[in-house]
């Protein structure tokens, strides 16, 4: 009996590797002789780098970089030496979790630190860079990242612009003469699960700006500033990509990656599945167990259980989901490769208690599933 355990993290509780360990412990109690294969997963947001490194045995490297509001941040990035692939999680350098709620400033926050991580990857000899861009604190269309890599953004007086998205409204010219030439030699992939354009009612500023601290007036000003930046970029590059699906991801980081690096966009869970070798692990398996903190209709939008179910369905392997909670519409996933789903709670419980007891509850439910599955096979 081979069981592949491929969960996402449970936010504010356990990382994906911790979830996988807890499930394996429960299954091991009920079925000691079963072959249990742990493959931590993610969907392009926080934890993506950690999940890839855990599953592929890659290297964690560290770099001190500039945080979203200029503070020094110790950020990690992943290195897969065999394929010379760098895994850069934007949240490590430019993430929302780096700023207290009251300090979030969509007008001034910058992606400069993410650019410094890319520079470190280039220096290491990366031939492929995977950018996981979930959880950003920024709305600067990736301009800070480009400036860290040598692009110069100048105002009407020939002076460098201040950092942040709002300052892009004062852009008068772009000097790309010092942009790192190695960018043209590297394959860039953006791991994201949104398809928003850069500007407009469905763009980066309007949809994501408020959660990063922008007021209604600032959203409008930011949208205009990002559009002004896109005008100059189109003039420089001879192509306007602002409406390309995904260019509004991470406050417009998708735009910079597409326009200046020719990045391809892929669902984050597909990128993680590929780098973790999930398809090969699922081959010959009897069961796949995945999970996430909240399992509901939103999971259809490219979250981890959906991606894992797609892989398992191709191999004809049944899929069970363990989730902190089962939300509205989770039954829709039954038409997309998920065979059954279970919540963890063993009685009335608060969110704080559920987070604290996550490992215990996961282990108990996994043990129950193991006992049931074993019983069914023995009949």
Protein backbone atom coordinates (compact mmCIF):
# COMPACT_ATOMS: atom_id res chain seq x y z
CA UNK A 1 0.00 0.00 0.00
CA UNK A 2 1.54 3.29 -1.15
CA UNK A 3 0.08 6.57 0.06
CA UNK A 4 1.34 9.93 -1.19
CA UNK A 5 0.87 12.80 1.27
CA UNK A 6 0.90 16.15 -0.58
CA UNK A 7 -0.68 18.95 1.51
CA UNK A 8 -0.32 22.72 1.57
CA UNK A 9 0.47 24.58 4.77
CA UNK A 10 -2.19 25.41 7.35
CA UNK A 11 -1.87 29.18 7.71
CA UNK A 12 -0.82 30.47 11.15
CA UNK A 13 -0.36 26.89 12.30
CA UNK A 14 1.86 24.42 10.41
CA UNK A 15 4.00 24.65 7.29
CA UNK A 16 3.39 22.09 4.54
CA UNK A 17 6.18 19.81 5.76
CA UNK A 18 4.70 19.86 9.28
CA UNK A 19 1.25 19.00 7.92
CA UNK A 20 2.69 16.11 5.91
CA UNK A 21 4.56 14.78 8.96
CA UNK A 22 1.43 14.87 11.12
CA UNK A 23 -0.63 13.03 8.52
CA UNK A 24 2.12 10.44 8.07
CA UNK A 25 2.27 9.91 11.84
CA UNK A 26 -1.45 9.21 11.99
CA UNK A 27 -1.41 6.86 9.01
CA UNK A 28 1.61 5.08 10.45
CA UNK A 29 -0.29 4.37 13.65
CA UNK A 30 -3.11 2.68 11.78
CA UNK A 31 -1.05 1.06 9.03
CA UNK A 32 2.61 0.54 10.05
CA UNK A 33 3.49 -1.46 6.95
CA UNK A 34 2.15 1.12 4.46
CA UNK A 35 4.63 3.01 2.26
CA UNK A 36 4.15 6.67 3.11
CA UNK A 37 5.60 9.27 0.73
CA UNK A 38 5.64 12.88 1.99
CA UNK A 39 5.61 15.63 -0.64
CA UNK A 40 4.92 19.09 0.87
CA UNK A 41 3.15 21.39 -1.59
CA UNK A 42 2.25 25.06 -2.15
CA UNK A 43 0.48 27.18 -4.75
CA UNK A 44 2.83 30.10 -5.34
CA UNK A 45 2.18 32.06 -2.14
CA UNK A 46 4.01 32.03 1.15
CA UNK A 47 5.72 28.72 1.80
CA UNK A 48 6.33 27.91 -1.88
CA UNK A 49 10.11 28.02 -1.64
CA UNK A 50 10.09 26.00 1.58
CA UNK A 51 7.83 23.34 0.07
CA UNK A 52 9.97 23.01 -3.06
CA UNK A 53 13.18 22.71 -1.07
CA UNK A 54 11.66 20.15 1.30
CA UNK A 55 10.42 18.00 -1.58
CA UNK A 56 13.46 18.33 -3.85
CA UNK A 57 16.24 18.49 -1.23
CA UNK A 58 17.44 21.84 -2.55
CA UNK A 59 19.64 24.39 -0.79
CA UNK A 60 18.39 27.32 1.27
CA UNK A 61 20.51 30.41 0.74
CA UNK A 62 20.21 33.70 2.60
CA UNK A 63 20.69 37.30 1.62
CA UNK A 64 20.28 40.60 3.47
CA UNK A 65 18.11 42.79 1.25
CA UNK A 66 16.03 45.93 1.31
CA UNK A 67 12.53 45.33 2.71
CA UNK A 68 9.32 46.82 1.30
CA UNK A 69 9.80 50.12 3.15
CA UNK A 70 13.60 50.19 3.06
CA UNK A 71 14.35 48.24 6.23
CA UNK A 72 17.00 45.50 6.19
CA UNK A 73 15.50 42.03 5.82
CA UNK A 74 17.15 38.63 6.03
CA UNK A 75 15.55 36.80 3.11
CA UNK A 76 15.93 33.23 1.96
CA UNK A 77 15.93 31.89 -1.58
CA UNK A 78 16.14 28.38 -2.93
CA UNK A 79 18.80 26.81 -5.12
CA UNK A 80 18.42 23.56 -7.04
CA UNK A 81 22.02 22.93 -8.19
CA UNK A 82 21.31 20.04 -10.53
CA UNK A 83 19.04 22.12 -12.77
CA UNK A 84 20.62 25.47 -11.86
CA UNK A 85 17.18 26.71 -10.86
CA UNK A 86 16.62 29.52 -8.36
CA UNK A 87 13.35 29.66 -6.45
CA UNK A 88 12.58 33.18 -5.29
CA UNK A 89 9.59 33.80 -3.07
CA UNK A 90 8.70 37.46 -3.30
CA UNK A 91 7.17 37.47 0.18
CA UNK A 92 10.61 36.81 1.66
CA UNK A 93 11.88 40.24 0.60
CA UNK A 94 8.77 42.26 -0.25
CA UNK A 95 6.02 40.50 1.67
CA UNK A 96 3.01 41.86 3.48
CA UNK A 97 3.96 39.86 6.58
CA UNK A 98 7.09 42.01 6.93
CA UNK A 99 5.01 45.07 7.82
CA UNK A 100 2.68 45.61 10.79
CA UNK A 101 -0.87 46.43 9.69
CA UNK A 102 -0.51 50.11 10.58
CA UNK A 103 2.71 50.48 8.57
CA UNK A 104 1.45 49.20 5.24
CA UNK A 105 1.85 51.79 2.50
CA UNK A 106 0.94 50.80 -1.05
CA UNK A 107 2.17 54.16 -2.34
CA UNK A 108 5.77 53.85 -1.08
CA UNK A 109 6.44 50.12 -0.74
CA UNK A 110 9.02 48.75 -3.14
CA UNK A 111 10.07 45.46 -4.71
CA UNK A 112 13.76 46.42 -4.60
CA UNK A 113 14.65 43.54 -2.26
CA UNK A 114 13.17 40.99 -4.65
CA UNK A 115 15.46 42.41 -7.32
CA UNK A 116 18.41 41.88 -4.99
CA UNK A 117 17.43 38.21 -4.61
CA UNK A 118 17.29 37.87 -8.40
CA UNK A 119 20.75 39.45 -8.62
CA UNK A 120 22.04 36.87 -6.13
CA UNK A 121 20.56 34.08 -8.25
CA UNK A 122 22.19 35.48 -11.39
CA UNK A 123 25.53 35.65 -9.58
CA UNK A 124 25.14 31.98 -8.62
CA UNK A 125 24.77 31.07 -12.29
CA UNK A 126 21.03 30.45 -12.43
CA UNK A 127 19.70 29.35 -15.80
CA UNK A 128 16.08 29.32 -14.63
CA UNK A 129 14.38 31.53 -12.07
CA UNK A 130 11.00 30.68 -10.60
CA UNK A 131 9.31 33.74 -9.08
CA UNK A 132 6.58 32.91 -6.55
CA UNK A 133 4.82 36.24 -6.20
CA UNK A 134 2.04 35.70 -3.67
CA UNK A 135 1.77 37.73 -0.46
CA UNK A 136 3.38 40.96 -1.63
CA UNK A 137 3.21 44.30 0.22
CA UNK A 138 3.92 46.29 -2.93
CA UNK A 139 2.14 48.15 -5.72
CA UNK A 140 5.05 49.47 -7.76
CA UNK A 141 4.63 47.42 -10.97
CA UNK A 142 7.93 45.71 -10.17
CA UNK A 143 9.83 48.96 -10.75
CA UNK A 144 11.87 48.55 -7.55
CA UNK A 145 12.94 45.10 -8.63
CA UNK A 146 14.04 46.45 -12.02
CA UNK A 147 15.94 49.33 -10.40
CA UNK A 148 17.86 46.88 -8.20
CA UNK A 149 18.89 45.17 -11.44
CA UNK A 150 20.17 48.37 -13.06
CA UNK A 151 17.17 50.13 -14.64
CA UNK A 152 17.12 53.89 -14.04
CA UNK A 153 13.83 55.79 -13.68
CA UNK A 154 14.25 59.56 -13.97
CA UNK A 155 12.04 62.60 -13.42
CA UNK A 156 11.90 65.72 -15.60
CA UNK A 157 15.08 67.03 -13.93
CA UNK A 158 17.00 63.85 -14.65
CA UNK A 159 16.91 62.80 -11.01
CA UNK A 160 16.15 59.29 -9.80
CA UNK A 161 12.55 58.80 -8.71
CA UNK A 162 11.67 57.95 -5.16
CA UNK A 163 10.72 54.32 -4.64
CA UNK A 164 7.14 53.12 -4.72
CA UNK A 165 4.25 53.06 -7.12
CA UNK A 166 2.99 56.60 -6.58
CA UNK A 167 6.32 58.13 -7.66
CA UNK A 168 5.93 56.50 -11.09
CA UNK A 169 3.48 59.29 -11.92
CA UNK A 170 6.50 61.64 -12.14
CA UNK A 171 8.43 59.42 -14.54
CA UNK A 172 9.90 61.34 -17.48
CA UNK A 173 12.41 58.85 -18.91
CA UNK A 174 13.80 55.34 -18.54
CA UNK A 175 17.48 54.49 -18.92
CA UNK A 176 17.99 50.77 -19.52
CA UNK A 177 21.67 50.95 -20.46
CA UNK A 178 22.78 49.41 -17.16
CA UNK A 179 20.04 46.78 -16.87
CA UNK A 180 21.74 43.47 -16.03
CA UNK A 181 22.41 41.75 -19.39
CA UNK A 182 22.23 38.30 -17.77
CA UNK A 183 18.45 38.70 -17.54
CA UNK A 184 18.21 37.96 -21.27
CA UNK A 185 20.00 34.63 -20.82
CA UNK A 186 17.76 33.22 -18.08
CA UNK A 187 14.37 31.52 -18.29
CA UNK A 188 11.91 33.25 -15.95
CA UNK A 189 8.66 31.71 -14.76
CA UNK A 190 6.07 33.47 -12.62
CA UNK A 191 4.14 31.21 -10.26
CA UNK A 192 0.83 32.95 -9.65
CA UNK A 193 -2.85 32.12 -9.41
CA UNK A 194 -4.39 35.43 -10.55
CA UNK A 195 -4.97 36.74 -14.09
CA UNK A 196 -5.54 40.44 -13.42
CA UNK A 197 -4.17 43.04 -15.87
CA UNK A 198 -1.92 45.83 -14.63
CA UNK A 199 -4.45 48.69 -14.75
CA UNK A 200 -8.16 49.42 -14.65
CA UNK A 201 -11.09 48.29 -12.54
CA UNK A 202 -9.69 44.76 -12.33
CA UNK A 203 -6.06 45.85 -12.11
CA UNK A 204 -3.37 45.64 -9.46
CA UNK A 205 -4.22 48.87 -7.63
CA UNK A 206 -8.01 48.48 -7.61
CA UNK A 207 -8.12 44.83 -6.56
CA UNK A 208 -5.09 44.46 -4.30
CA UNK A 209 -4.19 48.02 -3.27
CA UNK A 210 -6.67 48.32 -0.38
CA UNK A 211 -5.29 45.27 1.45
CA UNK A 212 -1.86 46.91 1.22
CA UNK A 213 -3.02 50.12 2.87
CA UNK A 214 -4.30 52.20 -0.07
CA UNK A 215 -7.30 54.50 0.35
CA UNK A 216 -9.85 54.96 -2.45
CA UNK A 217 -8.07 58.15 -3.59
CA UNK A 218 -4.69 56.45 -3.49
CA UNK A 219 -6.00 53.53 -5.53
CA UNK A 220 -6.97 55.94 -8.29
CA UNK A 221 -3.62 57.77 -8.14
CA UNK A 222 -1.69 54.48 -8.14
CA UNK A 223 -3.62 53.16 -11.12
CA UNK A 224 -2.78 56.28 -13.09
CA UNK A 225 0.89 56.13 -12.04
CA UNK A 226 1.21 52.48 -13.08
CA UNK A 227 -0.45 53.28 -16.39
CA UNK A 228 2.04 56.12 -16.93
CA UNK A 229 4.90 53.69 -16.22
CA UNK A 230 3.42 51.21 -18.70
CA UNK A 231 3.27 53.95 -21.36
CA UNK A 232 7.00 54.61 -20.99
CA UNK A 233 7.82 50.89 -20.95
CA UNK A 234 5.86 50.32 -24.15
CA UNK A 235 7.73 53.16 -25.83
CA UNK A 236 11.08 51.73 -24.69
CA UNK A 237 10.37 48.08 -25.48
CA UNK A 238 8.14 48.41 -28.53
CA UNK A 239 5.46 46.24 -26.91
CA UNK A 240 2.67 46.97 -24.43
CA UNK A 241 1.94 44.04 -22.12
CA UNK A 242 -0.13 45.81 -19.45
CA UNK A 243 -3.27 43.83 -20.37
CA UNK A 244 -1.55 40.44 -20.45
CA UNK A 245 -3.29 38.13 -17.93
CA UNK A 246 -1.32 38.10 -14.69
CA UNK A 247 0.52 41.38 -15.18
CA UNK A 248 -1.45 42.82 -12.25
CA UNK A 249 -0.29 40.06 -9.91
CA UNK A 250 1.65 41.15 -6.82
CA UNK A 251 1.01 44.85 -7.36
CA UNK A 252 2.24 44.64 -10.94
CA UNK A 253 5.33 42.50 -10.39
CA UNK A 254 3.88 40.30 -13.13
CA UNK A 255 4.08 43.26 -15.50
CA UNK A 256 7.78 43.89 -14.92
CA UNK A 257 8.61 40.19 -15.20
CA UNK A 258 6.69 39.87 -18.46
CA UNK A 259 7.85 43.13 -20.05
CA UNK A 260 11.55 43.03 -19.19
CA UNK A 261 12.26 39.31 -18.64
CA UNK A 262 9.83 37.64 -21.01
CA UNK A 263 8.51 35.61 -18.10
CA UNK A 264 5.98 32.86 -18.65
CA UNK A 265 3.05 32.58 -16.22
CA UNK A 266 2.08 29.24 -14.72
CA UNK A 267 -0.24 28.21 -11.88
CA UNK A 268 1.90 28.08 -8.76
CA UNK A 269 0.78 24.60 -7.78
CA UNK A 270 1.82 23.27 -11.21
CA UNK A 271 5.31 24.73 -10.81
CA UNK A 272 5.67 23.23 -7.33
CA UNK A 273 4.35 19.87 -8.51
CA UNK A 274 6.90 19.81 -11.31
CA UNK A 275 9.88 20.77 -9.16
CA UNK A 276 8.81 18.36 -6.41
CA UNK A 277 8.36 15.50 -8.90
CA UNK A 278 4.78 14.88 -7.76
CA UNK A 279 3.68 13.10 -10.94
CA UNK A 280 6.40 10.46 -10.58
CA UNK A 281 5.60 9.98 -6.89
CA UNK A 282 1.90 9.45 -7.60
CA UNK A 283 2.58 6.78 -10.23
CA UNK A 284 1.76 3.41 -8.70
CA UNK A 285 0.20 4.94 -5.57
CA UNK A 286 -2.98 3.55 -4.05
CA UNK A 287 -4.10 6.80 -2.42
CA UNK A 288 -3.22 10.50 -2.33
CA UNK A 289 -3.99 12.69 0.68
CA UNK A 290 -3.79 16.46 0.33
CA UNK A 291 -5.13 19.35 2.39
CA UNK A 292 -5.22 23.04 3.29
CA UNK A 293 -6.52 25.21 6.09
CA UNK A 294 -9.84 26.07 4.45
CA UNK A 295 -11.25 23.89 1.69
CA UNK A 296 -14.08 25.54 -0.25
CA UNK A 297 -15.17 26.66 -3.71
CA UNK A 298 -12.18 29.04 -3.88
CA UNK A 299 -9.93 25.98 -4.06
CA UNK A 300 -11.07 25.63 -7.68
CA UNK A 301 -9.04 28.76 -8.49
CA UNK A 302 -5.75 26.90 -8.60
CA UNK A 303 -5.10 26.14 -4.95
CA UNK A 304 -3.02 23.17 -3.87
CA UNK A 305 -5.70 20.45 -3.45
CA UNK A 306 -7.02 21.25 -6.93
CA UNK A 307 -3.57 20.91 -8.49
CA UNK A 308 -2.80 17.71 -6.59
CA UNK A 309 -6.16 16.24 -7.63
CA UNK A 310 -5.40 16.97 -11.29
CA UNK A 311 -2.14 15.05 -11.07
CA UNK A 312 -3.73 12.14 -9.22
CA UNK A 313 -6.65 11.99 -11.66
CA UNK A 314 -4.24 11.57 -14.58
CA UNK A 315 -2.81 8.54 -12.78
CA UNK A 316 -6.20 7.15 -11.76
CA UNK A 317 -5.43 7.47 -8.03
CA UNK A 318 -8.18 8.43 -5.51
CA UNK A 319 -7.73 11.65 -3.53
CA UNK A 320 -8.78 12.54 0.01
CA UNK A 321 -8.63 16.03 1.51
CA UNK A 322 -7.96 16.90 5.15
CA UNK A 323 -8.84 20.51 5.94
CA UNK A 324 -9.07 22.75 8.96
CA UNK A 325 -12.58 23.70 7.85
CA UNK A 326 -14.89 22.77 4.99
CA UNK A 327 -16.35 25.96 3.54
CA UNK A 328 -19.21 26.74 1.21
CA UNK A 329 -19.12 24.94 -2.11
CA UNK A 330 -16.35 22.47 -1.30
CA UNK A 331 -18.48 19.70 -2.84
CA UNK A 332 -17.77 21.21 -6.27
CA UNK A 333 -14.29 19.70 -6.03
CA UNK A 334 -15.81 16.22 -6.24
CA UNK A 335 -16.20 16.78 -9.98
CA UNK A 336 -12.50 17.63 -10.31
CA UNK A 337 -10.70 14.61 -8.91
CA UNK A 338 -11.35 14.86 -5.17
CA UNK A 339 -13.13 11.78 -3.81
CA UNK A 340 -13.83 12.82 -0.21
CA UNK A 341 -13.02 15.63 2.21
CA UNK A 342 -12.83 15.73 6.02
CA UNK A 343 -12.59 18.57 8.55
CA UNK A 344 -10.29 18.25 11.54
CA UNK A 345 -12.41 19.49 14.45
CA UNK A 346 -13.34 16.85 17.02
CA UNK A 347 -15.96 19.04 18.68
CA UNK A 348 -16.74 22.75 19.30
CA UNK A 349 -13.43 24.57 18.90
CA UNK A 350 -12.15 28.12 18.40
CA UNK A 351 -9.83 29.11 15.57
CA UNK A 352 -7.02 29.68 18.09
CA UNK A 353 -7.51 26.20 19.52
CA UNK A 354 -7.65 24.67 16.03
CA UNK A 355 -4.34 26.31 15.09
CA UNK A 356 -2.68 25.23 18.32
CA UNK A 357 -3.91 21.65 18.01
CA UNK A 358 -3.48 21.29 14.24
CA UNK A 359 -0.77 18.61 14.36
CA UNK A 360 -2.71 16.57 16.94
CA UNK A 361 -5.96 16.83 14.98
CA UNK A 362 -4.32 15.99 11.67
CA UNK A 363 -2.69 12.92 13.17
CA UNK A 364 -5.99 11.74 14.69
CA UNK A 365 -8.01 12.20 11.47
CA UNK A 366 -5.27 10.55 9.40
CA UNK A 367 -5.28 7.59 11.78
CA UNK A 368 -9.06 7.30 11.36
CA UNK A 369 -8.72 7.39 7.57
CA UNK A 370 -5.98 4.79 7.66
CA UNK A 371 -8.09 2.44 9.76
CA UNK A 372 -11.12 2.89 7.48
CA UNK A 373 -9.13 2.44 4.26
CA UNK A 374 -7.38 -0.65 5.60
CA UNK A 375 -10.67 -2.14 6.73
CA UNK A 376 -12.25 -1.55 3.30
CA UNK A 377 -9.35 -3.26 1.50
CA UNK A 378 -9.45 -6.29 3.79
CA UNK A 379 -13.11 -7.08 3.05
